[in-house]
Amino acid sequence: MFRPLRSALVVSAALALASCGGGKNRPQADLAASRITTIGVNSYLWRATLDTLSFMPLVQTDSNGGVIVTDWYANPQTPSERMKVTVSILDQDLRADAVRVAALREVNRGGQWVASPVTAATTQKLEDIILTRARDLRRASMSVN
C-alpha cells in the first residue's frame, strides 16, 4: 500500500474513533481565547495592549513571543518629553501577572534628548489599563456566545 494512502487511512480511522460520542451529551468546556487562536499568547491581553497603545507608532509586534515595542512618542501638549514603551505578554492565560510594561522617558534639554526616570506608577497604570481592557474584551466575547 502506498505510504500517503496508508497515512490517510490511519488519520481517518483516528478521526472516526475520536468523533464517537455514543450519543451522550458532553459538557462544553470554557475555552480561553488563547487556546483557539494561532497566536502564542492570550489574545485578550494582545488585543487590549494593541488598543491601549494605538496612539503610539509601533516598531515591533511579535504575537508568538508576546512582545510589542513602540517608537518614541511625544504628546503634543508636552513636546519636550517623549516615551517609548515595551509590553511583554508572559502567559496564555488572562492573569494579572501575565503582562509586563517597561517604559523609557526622555526630556529635551537644549536640543538634546536626555534620559529621565519613569515613575513606577506610570508602568503600573499602563498594566492596569491593559488588564481592565482585556477583561472587558473577555466579558464581551462571553456575552455574545
Protein backbone atom coordinates (compact mmCIF):
# COMPACT_ATOMS: atom_id res chain seq x y z
CA MET A 1 0.00 0.00 0.00
CA PHE A 2 1.27 3.47 -0.77
CA ARG A 3 2.61 5.37 2.22
CA PRO A 4 0.40 8.52 1.71
CA LEU A 5 -2.70 6.37 1.34
CA ARG A 6 -1.83 4.39 4.47
CA SER A 7 -1.29 7.65 6.41
CA ALA A 8 -4.64 8.99 5.20
CA LEU A 9 -6.39 5.79 6.34
CA VAL A 10 -4.78 5.96 9.77
CA VAL A 11 -5.79 9.60 10.20
CA SER A 12 -9.35 8.86 9.02
CA ALA A 13 -9.64 5.97 11.47
CA ALA A 14 -8.36 8.14 14.31
CA LEU A 15 -10.84 10.90 13.49
CA ALA A 16 -13.69 8.39 13.29
CA LEU A 17 -12.83 6.99 16.71
CA ALA A 18 -12.42 10.43 18.21
CA SER A 19 -15.81 11.53 16.94
CA CYS A 20 -17.62 8.59 18.54
CA GLY A 21 -19.59 10.02 21.39
CA GLY A 22 -22.09 7.28 21.92
CA GLY A 23 -24.91 9.83 21.72
CA LYS A 24 -24.05 11.25 25.14
CA ASN A 25 -24.11 14.96 25.72
CA ARG A 26 -20.69 16.10 26.78
CA PRO A 27 -20.25 19.27 28.81
CA GLN A 28 -18.84 22.20 26.87
CA ALA A 29 -15.53 23.45 28.18
CA ASP A 30 -14.86 27.16 28.53
CA LEU A 31 -12.01 27.54 26.06
CA ALA A 32 -9.77 30.54 26.64
CA ALA A 33 -9.25 32.60 23.51
CA SER A 34 -5.56 31.79 23.56
CA ARG A 35 -6.39 28.13 23.08
CA ILE A 36 -8.37 28.67 19.89
CA THR A 37 -6.20 31.22 18.12
CA THR A 38 -2.93 30.91 16.30
CA ILE A 39 -1.01 33.43 18.40
CA GLY A 40 1.28 32.25 21.18
CA VAL A 41 -0.14 34.45 23.95
CA ASN A 42 -3.50 35.32 25.44
CA SER A 43 -5.49 37.00 22.69
CA TYR A 44 -7.42 39.26 25.09
CA LEU A 45 -4.19 40.67 26.51
CA TRP A 46 -2.75 41.01 23.00
CA ARG A 47 -5.78 42.91 21.67
CA ALA A 48 -6.02 45.04 24.82
CA THR A 49 -2.36 46.01 24.51
CA LEU A 50 -2.77 46.99 20.87
CA ASP A 51 -5.88 49.01 21.76
CA THR A 52 -4.16 50.73 24.68
CA LEU A 53 -1.08 51.68 22.67
CA SER A 54 -2.95 52.52 19.45
CA PHE A 55 -1.98 56.21 19.67
CA MET A 56 1.74 55.36 19.61
CA PRO A 57 3.66 54.26 16.49
CA LEU A 58 4.61 50.58 16.65
CA VAL A 59 8.15 49.40 15.85
CA GLN A 60 7.80 45.68 16.54
CA THR A 61 4.98 43.24 17.19
CA ASP A 62 5.56 39.55 17.81
CA SER A 63 2.36 37.69 18.62
CA ASN A 64 4.14 34.38 19.16
CA GLY A 65 6.64 35.84 21.60
CA GLY A 66 4.14 38.29 23.06
CA VAL A 67 6.20 41.46 22.60
CA ILE A 68 5.00 44.87 21.44
CA VAL A 69 7.52 47.72 21.12
CA THR A 70 6.53 51.28 20.31
CA ASP A 71 8.61 54.02 18.77
CA TRP A 72 9.24 57.28 20.58
CA TYR A 73 6.04 59.24 21.15
CA ALA A 74 5.82 62.89 22.19
CA ASN A 75 2.50 64.15 23.48
CA PRO A 76 1.58 67.30 21.52
CA GLN A 77 0.80 69.02 24.83
CA THR A 78 4.31 68.30 26.17
CA PRO A 79 6.61 68.22 23.12
CA SER A 80 9.76 68.42 25.24
CA GLU A 81 9.13 64.94 26.65
CA ARG A 82 8.86 61.60 24.85
CA MET A 83 8.17 57.99 25.81
CA LYS A 84 8.90 54.57 24.39
CA VAL A 85 7.04 51.51 25.69
CA THR A 86 7.68 47.76 25.56
CA VAL A 87 4.92 45.39 26.62
CA SER A 88 5.60 41.70 27.22
CA ILE A 89 2.75 39.22 27.50
CA LEU A 90 4.10 36.34 29.51
CA ASP A 91 1.33 33.74 29.55
CA GLN A 92 -1.52 32.22 27.56
CA ASP A 93 -3.89 32.79 30.46
CA LEU A 94 -5.58 36.07 31.33
CA ARG A 95 -3.85 36.76 34.64
CA ALA A 96 -2.65 39.92 36.35
CA ASP A 97 0.98 38.77 36.28
CA ALA A 98 0.83 37.86 32.58
CA VAL A 99 1.59 41.38 31.36
CA ARG A 100 4.70 43.45 32.00
CA VAL A 101 5.27 47.03 30.85
CA ALA A 102 8.66 48.71 30.56
CA ALA A 103 8.95 52.36 29.58
CA LEU A 104 11.71 54.77 28.66
CA ARG A 105 11.36 58.51 29.02
CA GLU A 106 13.48 61.28 27.58
CA VAL A 107 13.37 65.02 28.13
CA ASN A 108 14.62 67.57 25.61
CA ARG A 109 17.24 69.82 27.21
CA GLY A 110 18.93 72.33 24.94
CA GLY A 111 18.14 70.35 21.79
CA GLN A 112 19.43 67.04 23.21
CA TRP A 113 17.23 64.17 24.36
CA VAL A 114 18.31 63.18 27.86
CA ALA A 115 17.18 60.01 29.65
CA SER A 116 14.86 60.70 32.54
CA PRO A 117 13.37 58.28 35.09
CA VAL A 118 9.91 56.82 34.64
CA THR A 119 7.87 56.51 37.79
CA ALA A 120 6.74 53.02 38.76
CA ALA A 121 3.20 54.35 38.91
CA THR A 122 3.30 55.06 35.16
CA THR A 123 4.10 51.48 34.16
CA GLN A 124 1.70 50.12 36.79
CA LYS A 125 -1.09 52.32 35.43
CA LEU A 126 -0.45 51.06 31.88
CA GLU A 127 -0.57 47.45 33.10
CA ASP A 128 -3.85 48.16 34.89
CA ILE A 129 -5.37 49.75 31.78
CA ILE A 130 -4.33 46.77 29.64
CA LEU A 131 -5.70 44.24 32.15
CA THR A 132 -9.01 46.12 32.50
CA ARG A 133 -9.42 46.29 28.74
CA ALA A 134 -8.57 42.57 28.39
CA ARG A 135 -11.19 41.66 30.99
CA ASP A 136 -13.75 43.84 29.20
CA LEU A 137 -12.96 42.10 25.90
CA ARG A 138 -13.34 38.69 27.53
CA ARG A 139 -16.66 39.64 29.15
CA ALA A 140 -17.94 40.97 25.82
CA SER A 141 -16.98 37.77 24.00
CA MET A 142 -18.64 35.60 26.66
CA SER A 143 -21.92 37.53 26.46
CA VAL A 144 -22.02 37.10 22.67
CA ASN A 145 -21.71 33.30 22.92
